């Protein structure tokens, strides 16, 4: 018996398995399943990796004390797949990470592989953890993680067990993570290096779970600052159950992808179906505007994610002849925690009867051409919240033209709350036709022209805001046809003018419940909470 066969037999015995030594061969083999059966094994002693399929990377059998299968590059998302299709499987491998090509990388064993983009994985990560997760359509979703003593340059034994809905991950025969998941019922096994390099050896697949030692720690991954939290939901008009959409959920139920290039981002926002898009770093977009499809969450990671050179268009192409919501109107979109700079048209534009859109915790200002956030042409049921807009004249427009009543009357229902309008002279917002437009608990600072301008028979409810040195705080006589506005319980400090309002307006409470903060506390809470890096 060679050293390699003895090692596989000893490892299996340590897991409580009874193996027939004759089944452990020096080349890849699949064995008929029976009680405590070996399903697959490979130790690469024959000098090749015949029987494996590969995607990406640079794979070769090399000597590392004994023959191992090494993926040597750190610049690709490399995977290998072997064996047959099994339901219950215990996949074990000795692995030595040899390099990570950046952060959020891993070296992993995989189970229930449908193909090289859909599987469960157990990986040693570049951040010093063991991560159990699933990959769906190429998007990684961690299910559990735990601290790890695994690192570069040392062999460790990983074992990923998938039995029924139960997933368990072992490091050096110690149970460290577990989860339940129903995404994949069966599949092949494999290896993965996500922009990392590693050596693999002593692959062993059985149909019996191991015993192992008790878990030392098991931690479910929570959303934290600096990650891509897709779980938050809006209040205000974006939360209303109407038009066949119950609130705004964005990409909920779909896979999650991380993007850091324009090509990746533009492909993601054009994809069909729900998708969570996590943006890392600042992406330079080709100008001017880029269409976002329905059921998308676009969320920045940390405080440095965003766009320069282009903007987002949420809506179908302009068409004055369409005066009722079309069946394919864009809907259910979330844009959160992103910075926008140097946009050549609008930073964010919502149009053509789009509905259920949430624009939250963004930083918009600096070098843009037209609107920071423009909403028009029959769009409705939006919430614009906790954004910091600054040093930009054409801030927020709601309704684009006095002659657009055929599309806008009865629509343009929007909530603006807890935004910081910082040295934005006008359009804070400028409103036509919408009713009710609910503007509450915002902080206005040094707006030299006008705060809220309500015209063209719009109905604006402006309450609980903090105005500081805003020349004309609220008016329904700004320009063009007059609107209607109710201003109540606002704080006016410095050189802020008194509201100029008349008429009656629908109550927002007729559509949704909300809690109004003490307006004297709004300045402090908005300064602390608005903008990027706060979610």
Protein backbone atom coordinates (compact mmCIF):
# COMPACT_ATOMS: atom_id res chain seq x y z
CA UNK A 1 0.00 0.00 0.00
CA UNK A 2 1.46 3.37 -0.99
CA UNK A 3 1.69 6.35 1.35
CA UNK A 4 -1.11 8.03 -0.63
CA UNK A 5 -3.55 5.14 -0.17
CA UNK A 6 -2.72 4.86 3.54
CA UNK A 7 -3.39 8.61 3.97
CA UNK A 8 -6.81 8.43 2.36
CA UNK A 9 -7.75 5.39 4.44
CA UNK A 10 -6.61 7.01 7.68
CA UNK A 11 -8.45 10.23 6.89
CA UNK A 12 -11.67 8.34 6.18
CA UNK A 13 -11.36 6.33 9.36
CA UNK A 14 -10.92 9.53 11.36
CA UNK A 15 -14.30 10.60 10.03
CA UNK A 16 -15.99 7.43 11.21
CA UNK A 17 -16.17 5.86 7.75
CA UNK A 18 -15.59 2.22 6.87
CA UNK A 19 -13.85 2.03 3.54
CA UNK A 20 -12.77 -0.78 1.32
CA UNK A 21 -9.12 -0.07 0.60
CA UNK A 22 -9.52 -1.45 -2.88
CA UNK A 23 -11.88 1.41 -3.64
CA UNK A 24 -9.21 4.05 -2.96
CA UNK A 25 -7.28 4.31 -6.19
CA UNK A 26 -4.49 6.56 -7.35
CA UNK A 27 -6.57 7.93 -10.25
CA UNK A 28 -10.03 9.55 -10.22
CA UNK A 29 -12.72 6.95 -9.75
CA UNK A 30 -16.46 6.80 -9.10
CA UNK A 31 -17.69 3.82 -7.09
CA UNK A 32 -21.27 2.55 -6.87
CA UNK A 33 -22.91 3.93 -3.78
CA UNK A 34 -23.73 1.58 -0.94
CA UNK A 35 -23.51 1.83 2.83
CA UNK A 36 -20.56 4.07 3.71
CA UNK A 37 -19.46 4.11 0.08
CA UNK A 38 -16.56 6.02 -1.38
CA UNK A 39 -18.04 7.95 -4.31
CA UNK A 40 -14.91 9.56 -5.69
CA UNK A 41 -11.22 9.96 -4.90
CA UNK A 42 -8.12 11.48 -6.47
CA UNK A 43 -4.64 12.05 -5.04
CA UNK A 44 -2.94 13.00 -8.35
CA UNK A 45 -0.13 10.46 -7.83
CA UNK A 46 -0.59 9.39 -11.45
CA UNK A 47 0.63 12.83 -12.53
CA UNK A 48 -2.58 14.01 -14.19
CA UNK A 49 -6.07 15.31 -13.47
CA UNK A 50 -7.94 13.32 -16.10
CA UNK A 51 -11.68 13.22 -15.47
CA UNK A 52 -11.93 16.79 -14.18
CA UNK A 53 -13.48 19.68 -16.11
CA UNK A 54 -12.07 23.17 -15.59
CA UNK A 55 -13.17 26.78 -16.02
CA UNK A 56 -10.54 29.52 -15.81
CA UNK A 57 -7.14 29.54 -14.15
CA UNK A 58 -3.90 27.70 -14.81
CA UNK A 59 -4.05 24.12 -13.49
CA UNK A 60 -1.23 21.58 -13.39
CA UNK A 61 -0.02 18.63 -11.33
CA UNK A 62 3.19 19.62 -9.52
CA UNK A 63 5.30 18.33 -6.65
CA UNK A 64 4.67 19.81 -3.20
CA UNK A 65 6.16 17.11 -0.98
CA UNK A 66 4.04 14.78 -3.12
CA UNK A 67 2.03 15.34 -6.28
CA UNK A 68 -0.72 17.98 -5.90
CA UNK A 69 -3.07 19.71 -8.30
CA UNK A 70 -2.22 23.41 -8.31
CA UNK A 71 -4.10 26.42 -9.65
CA UNK A 72 -1.29 28.97 -9.90
CA UNK A 73 -2.98 32.23 -10.98
CA UNK A 74 -4.58 34.88 -8.75
CA UNK A 75 -6.17 36.91 -11.55
CA UNK A 76 -9.09 34.65 -12.44
CA UNK A 77 -12.21 33.08 -10.96
CA UNK A 78 -11.15 29.46 -11.46
CA UNK A 79 -13.20 26.32 -10.79
CA UNK A 80 -12.88 22.59 -11.42
CA UNK A 81 -15.61 19.96 -11.33
CA UNK A 82 -15.40 16.19 -10.94
CA UNK A 83 -17.34 13.04 -10.16
CA UNK A 84 -20.96 12.18 -10.86
CA UNK A 85 -24.27 13.69 -9.78
CA UNK A 86 -25.09 12.78 -6.19
CA UNK A 87 -27.67 14.04 -3.69
CA UNK A 88 -26.04 13.42 -0.30
CA UNK A 89 -22.30 13.93 -0.33
CA UNK A 90 -19.36 14.59 1.96
CA UNK A 91 -16.54 16.28 0.02
CA UNK A 92 -13.12 16.44 1.65
CA UNK A 93 -9.82 17.83 0.34
CA UNK A 94 -6.46 18.93 1.63
CA UNK A 95 -5.85 22.49 0.48
CA UNK A 96 -2.98 24.93 0.77
CA UNK A 97 -3.72 28.55 -0.22
CA UNK A 98 -0.66 30.05 -1.89
CA UNK A 99 -1.89 33.56 -2.67
CA UNK A 100 -4.92 35.89 -2.71
CA UNK A 101 -5.37 38.48 -5.46
CA UNK A 102 -7.06 41.07 -3.22
CA UNK A 103 -9.79 41.25 -0.61
CA UNK A 104 -12.98 39.13 -0.55
CA UNK A 105 -11.19 36.15 -2.14
CA UNK A 106 -11.26 32.48 -1.21
CA UNK A 107 -9.99 28.98 -1.86
CA UNK A 108 -12.76 26.43 -1.54
CA UNK A 109 -14.16 22.93 -1.87
CA UNK A 110 -17.59 22.75 -3.56
CA UNK A 111 -20.60 20.44 -3.44
CA UNK A 112 -23.79 19.87 -5.41
CA UNK A 113 -22.37 21.69 -8.42
CA UNK A 114 -24.94 22.24 -11.15
CA UNK A 115 -22.22 23.83 -13.25
CA UNK A 116 -19.28 26.14 -12.61
CA UNK A 117 -21.58 29.02 -11.61
CA UNK A 118 -24.06 27.27 -9.28
CA UNK A 119 -22.99 25.34 -6.17
CA UNK A 120 -22.34 25.32 -2.42
CA UNK A 121 -18.83 26.18 -1.24
CA UNK A 122 -16.69 26.01 1.90
CA UNK A 123 -13.70 28.29 1.63
CA UNK A 124 -10.66 29.70 3.39
CA UNK A 125 -10.93 33.45 2.81
CA UNK A 126 -8.41 36.22 2.40
CA UNK A 127 -9.85 37.90 5.51
CA UNK A 128 -8.95 34.99 7.81
CA UNK A 129 -12.30 33.24 8.05
CA UNK A 130 -13.95 30.00 6.98
CA UNK A 131 -17.00 30.82 4.86
CA UNK A 132 -19.91 28.53 3.99
CA UNK A 133 -22.05 29.85 1.15
CA UNK A 134 -23.80 29.30 -2.11
CA UNK A 135 -23.13 30.60 -5.58
CA UNK A 136 -26.12 31.21 -7.83
CA UNK A 137 -25.65 32.50 -11.35
CA UNK A 138 -22.14 33.57 -10.41
CA UNK A 139 -23.26 35.60 -7.35
CA UNK A 140 -21.84 34.60 -3.96
CA UNK A 141 -24.12 34.53 -0.91
CA UNK A 142 -22.43 33.71 2.42
CA UNK A 143 -24.59 31.57 4.71
CA UNK A 144 -22.26 31.33 7.73
CA UNK A 145 -18.69 32.12 8.71
CA UNK A 146 -16.24 31.53 11.55
CA UNK A 147 -12.71 32.60 12.46
CA UNK A 148 -10.00 30.44 10.90
CA UNK A 149 -6.41 29.59 11.59
CA UNK A 150 -6.08 28.66 7.93
CA UNK A 151 -3.66 30.78 5.96
CA UNK A 152 -1.29 31.03 3.05
CA UNK A 153 1.40 28.37 2.84
CA UNK A 154 -0.14 25.70 5.10
CA UNK A 155 -2.15 22.59 4.22
CA UNK A 156 -5.55 22.28 5.88
CA UNK A 157 -8.30 19.72 5.46
CA UNK A 158 -11.68 21.11 4.41
CA UNK A 159 -14.82 18.97 4.43
CA UNK A 160 -18.16 20.20 3.08
CA UNK A 161 -21.17 18.00 3.84
CA UNK A 162 -24.53 18.35 2.08
CA UNK A 163 -27.18 15.96 3.40
CA UNK A 164 -30.80 16.88 2.75
CA UNK A 165 -31.19 20.57 3.63
CA UNK A 166 -28.30 20.49 6.09
CA UNK A 167 -24.91 21.93 5.22
CA UNK A 168 -21.88 21.52 7.50
CA UNK A 169 -18.32 22.76 7.14
CA UNK A 170 -15.29 21.23 8.86
CA UNK A 171 -11.76 22.58 9.19
CA UNK A 172 -9.18 19.95 10.19
CA UNK A 173 -12.02 17.66 11.34
CA UNK A 174 -13.59 20.36 13.56
CA UNK A 175 -17.15 21.45 12.77
CA UNK A 176 -16.92 25.24 12.41
CA UNK A 177 -19.95 26.36 10.34
CA UNK A 178 -23.40 25.05 9.51
CA UNK A 179 -26.54 26.21 7.72
CA UNK A 180 -29.70 24.96 6.05
CA UNK A 181 -30.54 25.73 2.44
CA UNK A 182 -32.76 24.26 -0.27
CA UNK A 183 -31.25 25.82 -3.39
CA UNK A 184 -29.44 22.73 -4.73
CA UNK A 185 -30.70 19.17 -4.21
CA UNK A 186 -27.86 17.34 -5.97
CA UNK A 187 -24.87 17.84 -8.20
CA UNK A 188 -21.19 17.11 -8.68
CA UNK A 189 -18.25 18.09 -6.49
CA UNK A 190 -15.38 20.41 -7.17
CA UNK A 191 -12.70 22.94 -6.24
CA UNK A 192 -12.64 26.72 -6.53
CA UNK A 193 -10.12 29.54 -6.32
CA UNK A 194 -11.79 32.96 -6.42
CA UNK A 195 -8.95 35.20 -7.61
CA UNK A 196 -6.60 33.11 -5.51
CA UNK A 197 -4.03 30.35 -5.99
CA UNK A 198 -3.82 27.04 -4.15
CA UNK A 199 -2.65 23.42 -4.12
CA UNK A 200 -5.21 20.61 -3.72
CA UNK A 201 -4.61 17.01 -2.67
CA UNK A 202 -6.34 13.87 -1.35
CA UNK A 203 -9.83 14.52 -2.69
CA UNK A 204 -12.33 12.14 -1.10
CA UNK A 205 -16.12 12.02 -1.56
CA UNK A 206 -18.35 9.68 0.45
CA UNK A 207 -22.06 9.26 1.02
CA UNK A 208 -21.82 9.31 4.82
CA UNK A 209 -21.43 12.35 7.10
CA UNK A 210 -18.41 12.45 9.37
CA UNK A 211 -18.40 12.80 13.11
CA UNK A 212 -15.72 15.41 13.70
CA UNK A 213 -15.26 17.41 16.86
CA UNK A 214 -17.89 19.79 18.30
CA UNK A 215 -18.05 23.28 16.80
CA UNK A 216 -15.84 25.89 18.40
CA UNK A 217 -17.82 28.79 16.89
CA UNK A 218 -20.56 29.26 14.33
CA UNK A 219 -21.47 32.77 13.21
CA UNK A 220 -24.22 33.76 10.82
CA UNK A 221 -23.06 36.65 8.67
CA UNK A 222 -25.03 39.84 9.54
CA UNK A 223 -25.21 42.96 7.45
CA UNK A 224 -22.66 45.45 8.80
CA UNK A 225 -21.30 48.79 7.64
CA UNK A 226 -18.92 48.22 4.76
CA UNK A 227 -20.94 45.32 3.41
CA UNK A 228 -23.77 45.25 0.90
CA UNK A 229 -26.96 45.18 2.97
CA UNK A 230 -29.89 44.36 0.70
CA UNK A 231 -32.42 43.83 3.51
CA UNK A 232 -33.52 47.44 4.22
CA UNK A 233 -36.95 48.67 3.10
CA UNK A 234 -38.40 52.17 2.69
CA UNK A 235 -41.26 54.00 4.30
CA UNK A 236 -43.30 56.71 2.62
CA UNK A 237 -44.85 56.32 -0.81
CA UNK A 238 -42.37 53.64 -1.92
CA UNK A 239 -43.84 51.36 0.77
CA UNK A 240 -47.46 51.52 -0.47
CA UNK A 241 -49.14 48.40 -1.84
CA UNK A 242 -50.50 49.59 -5.18
CA UNK A 243 -50.14 49.04 -8.94
CA UNK A 244 -49.50 45.35 -8.36
CA UNK A 245 -46.41 46.02 -6.26
CA UNK A 246 -46.39 45.60 -2.48
CA UNK A 247 -43.70 48.04 -1.36
CA UNK A 248 -40.25 48.37 -2.87
CA UNK A 249 -38.00 45.33 -2.54
CA UNK A 250 -35.57 45.81 -5.42
CA UNK A 251 -33.57 42.68 -6.16
CA UNK A 252 -35.03 40.62 -3.31
CA UNK A 253 -35.25 36.96 -4.21
CA UNK A 254 -32.58 37.26 -6.88
CA UNK A 255 -28.84 36.63 -6.84
CA UNK A 256 -26.23 39.12 -5.67
CA UNK A 257 -23.34 40.32 -7.81
CA UNK A 258 -20.45 42.61 -6.98
CA UNK A 259 -19.25 45.03 -9.66
CA UNK A 260 -16.29 47.37 -9.85
CA UNK A 261 -16.09 48.16 -13.58
CA UNK A 262 -18.42 49.97 -15.96
CA UNK A 263 -18.78 46.86 -18.10
CA UNK A 264 -19.86 44.74 -15.16
CA UNK A 265 -22.26 47.38 -13.85
CA UNK A 266 -23.96 48.12 -17.16
CA UNK A 267 -24.44 44.41 -17.79
CA UNK A 268 -26.00 43.96 -14.35
CA UNK A 269 -28.54 46.82 -14.57
CA UNK A 270 -29.68 45.54 -17.98
CA UNK A 271 -30.16 41.95 -16.82
CA UNK A 272 -33.66 40.49 -16.65
CA UNK A 273 -35.16 39.41 -13.35
CA UNK A 274 -34.42 40.49 -9.78
CA UNK A 275 -30.79 41.23 -9.00
CA UNK A 276 -28.85 42.76 -6.09
CA UNK A 277 -25.94 44.78 -7.47
CA UNK A 278 -23.20 45.66 -4.99
CA UNK A 279 -20.97 48.49 -6.22
CA UNK A 280 -17.41 48.61 -4.95
CA UNK A 281 -15.32 51.74 -5.46
CA UNK A 282 -15.92 54.60 -7.90
CA UNK A 283 -16.90 53.52 -11.41
CA UNK A 284 -16.36 55.86 -14.35
CA UNK A 285 -19.38 55.54 -16.62
CA UNK A 286 -19.54 56.52 -20.26
CA UNK A 287 -22.00 59.40 -20.50
CA UNK A 288 -24.64 60.39 -20.31
CA UNK A 289 -27.47 58.11 -19.02
CA UNK A 290 -27.83 54.36 -18.47
CA UNK A 291 -31.10 52.46 -18.22
CA UNK A 292 -31.91 50.46 -15.10
CA UNK A 293 -34.32 47.54 -15.41
CA UNK A 294 -37.07 46.54 -12.99
CA UNK A 295 -36.43 44.63 -9.75
CA UNK A 296 -32.92 45.89 -9.10
CA UNK A 297 -31.12 46.94 -5.92
CA UNK A 298 -28.03 49.06 -6.62
CA UNK A 299 -26.15 49.43 -3.36
CA UNK A 300 -22.73 50.85 -2.61
CA UNK A 301 -20.28 48.99 -0.39
CA UNK A 302 -18.84 51.18 2.36
CA UNK A 303 -18.39 54.92 1.97
CA UNK A 304 -16.44 55.09 -1.31
CA UNK A 305 -18.76 53.50 -3.88
CA UNK A 306 -20.36 55.51 -6.66
CA UNK A 307 -20.23 56.85 -10.17
CA UNK A 308 -18.62 59.64 -12.12
CA UNK A 309 -19.20 60.65 -15.73
CA UNK A 310 -22.71 59.24 -16.14
CA UNK A 311 -26.14 58.91 -14.55
CA UNK A 312 -28.95 56.41 -14.04
CA UNK A 313 -32.21 56.45 -15.98
CA UNK A 314 -35.08 54.55 -14.38
CA UNK A 315 -37.81 54.48 -16.99
CA UNK A 316 -38.86 53.80 -20.54
CA UNK A 317 -38.01 56.24 -23.37
CA UNK A 318 -39.94 59.53 -23.40
CA UNK A 319 -43.23 59.39 -25.30
CA UNK A 320 -45.77 62.22 -24.95
CA UNK A 321 -48.41 60.05 -26.62
CA UNK A 322 -48.51 57.60 -23.71
CA UNK A 323 -50.82 58.97 -21.01
CA UNK A 324 -51.49 55.86 -18.91
CA UNK A 325 -49.04 53.49 -17.21
CA UNK A 326 -47.85 50.84 -19.69
CA UNK A 327 -47.66 47.22 -18.58
CA UNK A 328 -43.87 47.24 -18.91
CA UNK A 329 -43.25 50.38 -16.87
CA UNK A 330 -40.00 50.12 -14.90
CA UNK A 331 -40.69 49.43 -11.24
CA UNK A 332 -39.24 48.17 -7.96
CA UNK A 333 -35.79 49.78 -7.99
CA UNK A 334 -33.55 50.71 -5.04
CA UNK A 335 -30.56 53.07 -5.33
CA UNK A 336 -28.65 53.36 -2.02
CA UNK A 337 -25.35 54.43 -0.53
CA UNK A 338 -23.76 55.78 -3.71
CA UNK A 339 -21.92 58.98 -4.63
CA UNK A 340 -22.59 60.74 -7.92
CA UNK A 341 -20.12 63.18 -9.45
CA UNK A 342 -19.64 64.95 -12.79
CA UNK A 343 -22.82 63.69 -14.44
CA UNK A 344 -23.33 65.16 -17.94
CA UNK A 345 -27.16 65.01 -17.85
CA UNK A 346 -29.00 63.94 -14.66
CA UNK A 347 -27.48 61.99 -11.80
CA UNK A 348 -30.73 60.04 -11.32
CA UNK A 349 -33.74 60.42 -13.62
CA UNK A 350 -37.07 58.61 -13.11
CA UNK A 351 -39.61 58.84 -15.92
CA UNK A 352 -42.44 57.34 -17.97
CA UNK A 353 -44.75 55.98 -15.25
CA UNK A 354 -42.00 54.22 -13.31
CA UNK A 355 -43.18 53.34 -9.83
CA UNK A 356 -41.93 52.02 -6.52
CA UNK A 357 -38.44 53.50 -6.53
CA UNK A 358 -36.41 54.18 -3.39
CA UNK A 359 -33.47 56.63 -3.56
CA UNK A 360 -31.73 56.56 -0.20
CA UNK A 361 -28.49 57.55 1.57
CA UNK A 362 -26.72 58.87 -1.52
CA UNK A 363 -24.24 61.75 -1.88
CA UNK A 364 -24.98 63.82 -4.96
CA UNK A 365 -23.00 66.93 -5.80
CA UNK A 366 -19.93 68.32 -7.46
CA UNK A 367 -19.66 69.03 -11.16
CA UNK A 368 -23.03 67.74 -12.37
CA UNK A 369 -24.89 69.35 -15.26
CA UNK A 370 -28.65 68.92 -14.81
CA UNK A 371 -30.81 67.47 -12.05
CA UNK A 372 -29.50 65.57 -9.06
CA UNK A 373 -32.78 63.63 -8.79
CA UNK A 374 -35.48 64.36 -11.39
CA UNK A 375 -38.85 62.57 -11.33
CA UNK A 376 -41.30 63.14 -14.16
CA UNK A 377 -43.75 61.89 -16.80
CA UNK A 378 -46.28 60.08 -14.63
CA UNK A 379 -43.85 58.36 -12.26
CA UNK A 380 -45.24 57.72 -8.80
CA UNK A 381 -44.88 55.99 -5.44
CA UNK A 382 -41.29 56.98 -4.75
CA UNK A 383 -39.37 57.75 -1.58
CA UNK A 384 -36.29 60.01 -1.60
CA UNK A 385 -34.66 59.77 1.84
CA UNK A 386 -31.48 60.45 3.80
CA UNK A 387 -29.59 61.84 0.78
CA UNK A 388 -26.95 64.57 0.97
CA UNK A 389 -27.18 66.85 -2.05
CA UNK A 390 -24.79 69.76 -2.12
CA UNK A 391 -23.25 72.61 -4.10
CA UNK A 392 -25.52 72.10 -7.08
CA UNK A 393 -28.14 74.49 -8.44
CA UNK A 394 -30.58 72.17 -10.24
CA UNK A 395 -31.27 69.90 -7.32
CA UNK A 396 -34.56 67.97 -7.50
CA UNK A 397 -37.37 68.37 -10.02
CA UNK A 398 -40.79 66.71 -9.68
CA UNK A 399 -42.71 67.23 -12.90
CA UNK A 400 -40.78 68.64 -15.84
CA UNK A 401 -43.21 70.95 -17.65
CA UNK A 402 -46.36 73.03 -17.02
CA UNK A 403 -47.94 71.37 -20.06
CA UNK A 404 -47.41 67.75 -18.95
CA UNK A 405 -50.70 67.37 -17.08
CA UNK A 406 -51.95 64.53 -19.27
CA UNK A 407 -49.21 62.30 -17.89
CA UNK A 408 -48.76 63.82 -14.44
CA UNK A 409 -52.16 64.66 -12.94
CA UNK A 410 -53.08 62.09 -10.29
CA UNK A 411 -49.53 60.78 -10.17
CA UNK A 412 -46.10 62.07 -9.00
CA UNK A 413 -46.80 60.89 -5.44
CA UNK A 414 -43.42 61.19 -3.74
CA UNK A 415 -42.08 61.32 -0.17
CA UNK A 416 -38.96 63.37 0.63
CA UNK A 417 -37.67 62.86 4.15
CA UNK A 418 -34.45 63.32 6.16
CA UNK A 419 -32.49 64.74 3.24
CA UNK A 420 -29.72 67.31 3.66
CA UNK A 421 -30.18 70.07 1.06
CA UNK A 422 -26.81 71.73 1.50
CA UNK A 423 -26.18 74.93 -0.48
CA UNK A 424 -28.54 73.89 -3.25
CA UNK A 425 -30.06 77.21 -4.39
CA UNK A 426 -33.29 75.89 -5.93
CA UNK A 427 -35.44 72.83 -6.76
CA UNK A 428 -35.53 71.50 -3.21
CA UNK A 429 -37.76 70.19 -4.79
CA UNK A 430 -39.60 72.16 -7.50
CA UNK A 431 -42.97 70.49 -7.96
CA UNK A 432 -45.70 70.38 -10.62
CA UNK A 433 -49.00 68.47 -10.50
CA UNK A 434 -48.11 65.85 -7.86
CA UNK A 435 -50.42 65.35 -4.86
CA UNK A 436 -49.78 64.71 -2.14
CA UNK A 437 -46.07 65.42 -2.21
CA UNK A 438 -44.87 64.85 1.34
CA UNK A 439 -41.77 66.75 2.45
CA UNK A 440 -40.87 66.17 6.08
CA UNK A 441 -37.92 66.21 8.49
CA UNK A 442 -35.41 67.54 5.96
CA UNK A 443 -32.55 69.90 6.78
CA UNK A 444 -32.16 72.95 4.50
CA UNK A 445 -28.95 74.98 4.69
CA UNK A 446 -28.16 78.21 2.85
CA UNK A 447 -30.57 77.78 -0.08
CA UNK A 448 -30.21 81.20 -1.69
CA UNK A 449 -33.22 81.10 -4.05
CA UNK A 450 -36.00 78.83 -2.79
CA UNK A 451 -36.59 75.75 -0.70
CA UNK A 452 -39.86 74.04 -1.72
CA UNK A 453 -41.54 75.46 -4.84
CA UNK A 454 -45.06 74.12 -5.32
CA UNK A 455 -46.74 75.07 -8.62
CA UNK A 456 -48.98 73.89 -11.47
CA UNK A 457 -51.77 72.82 -9.08
CA UNK A 458 -49.47 70.50 -7.14
CA UNK A 459 -50.44 69.71 -3.55
CA UNK A 460 -47.47 69.87 -1.18
CA UNK A 461 -47.43 68.94 2.51
CA UNK A 462 -44.31 70.46 4.09
CA UNK A 463 -43.88 69.65 7.78
CA UNK A 464 -41.30 69.19 10.49
CA UNK A 465 -38.37 70.53 8.47
CA UNK A 466 -35.42 72.61 9.68
CA UNK A 467 -34.66 75.64 7.48
CA UNK A 468 -31.42 77.53 8.11
CA UNK A 469 -30.68 80.64 6.05
CA UNK A 470 -33.13 79.62 3.32
CA UNK A 471 -34.30 82.78 1.58
CA UNK A 472 -37.78 81.57 0.55
CA UNK A 473 -38.59 78.44 2.51
CA UNK A 474 -41.88 77.28 0.96
CA UNK A 475 -43.97 78.94 -1.73
CA UNK A 476 -46.77 78.22 -4.18
CA UNK A 477 -46.07 81.40 -6.15
CA UNK A 478 -42.53 80.71 -7.39
CA UNK A 479 -43.01 80.73 -11.18
CA UNK A 480 -45.72 79.76 -13.61
CA UNK A 481 -49.15 78.49 -12.52
CA UNK A 482 -49.68 78.37 -8.76
CA UNK A 483 -49.92 75.25 -6.69
CA UNK A 484 -51.28 74.49 -3.21
CA UNK A 485 -49.19 73.98 -0.10
CA UNK A 486 -49.60 73.41 3.60
CA UNK A 487 -46.56 74.25 5.73
CA UNK A 488 -46.71 73.29 9.41
CA UNK A 489 -44.45 72.71 12.38
CA UNK A 490 -41.24 73.77 10.60
CA UNK A 491 -38.24 75.44 12.27
CA UNK A 492 -36.96 78.65 10.64
CA UNK A 493 -33.59 80.00 11.77
CA UNK A 494 -31.18 82.63 10.56
CA UNK A 495 -32.38 84.53 7.51
CA UNK A 496 -35.07 82.02 6.55
CA UNK A 497 -38.28 83.54 5.19
CA UNK A 498 -41.81 82.68 6.25
CA UNK A 499 -43.72 80.15 4.11
CA UNK A 500 -46.00 81.59 1.43
CA UNK A 501 -48.72 78.96 1.20
CA UNK A 502 -52.44 78.66 0.45
CA UNK A 503 -54.99 75.99 -0.40
CA UNK A 504 -55.68 72.51 0.93
CA UNK A 505 -53.72 69.32 0.32
CA UNK A 506 -54.42 65.61 0.74
CA UNK A 507 -52.92 64.10 3.88
CA UNK A 508 -50.05 61.66 3.47
CA UNK A 509 -51.54 59.59 6.31
CA UNK A 510 -54.32 58.61 3.94
CA UNK A 511 -51.68 56.53 2.11
CA UNK A 512 -49.18 55.40 4.77
CA UNK A 513 -48.30 55.71 8.44
CA UNK A 514 -45.28 57.76 9.50
CA UNK A 515 -43.68 59.24 12.59
CA UNK A 516 -42.75 62.89 12.52
CA UNK A 517 -39.55 63.78 14.40
CA UNK A 518 -39.35 66.91 16.55
CA UNK A 519 -38.19 69.50 13.98
CA UNK A 520 -35.73 70.92 16.53
CA UNK A 521 -33.86 67.59 16.42
CA UNK A 522 -33.82 67.31 12.63
CA UNK A 523 -30.60 69.23 12.02
CA UNK A 524 -28.57 66.95 14.28
CA UNK A 525 -30.15 63.70 13.11
CA UNK A 526 -29.80 64.51 9.43
CA UNK A 527 -26.19 65.65 9.80
CA UNK A 528 -25.43 62.38 11.58
CA UNK A 529 -27.36 60.08 9.26
CA UNK A 530 -27.65 61.45 5.73
CA UNK A 531 -25.31 60.50 2.91
CA UNK A 532 -23.06 57.54 2.23
CA UNK A 533 -21.33 55.23 4.69
CA UNK A 534 -24.24 55.40 7.15
CA UNK A 535 -25.99 52.12 6.27
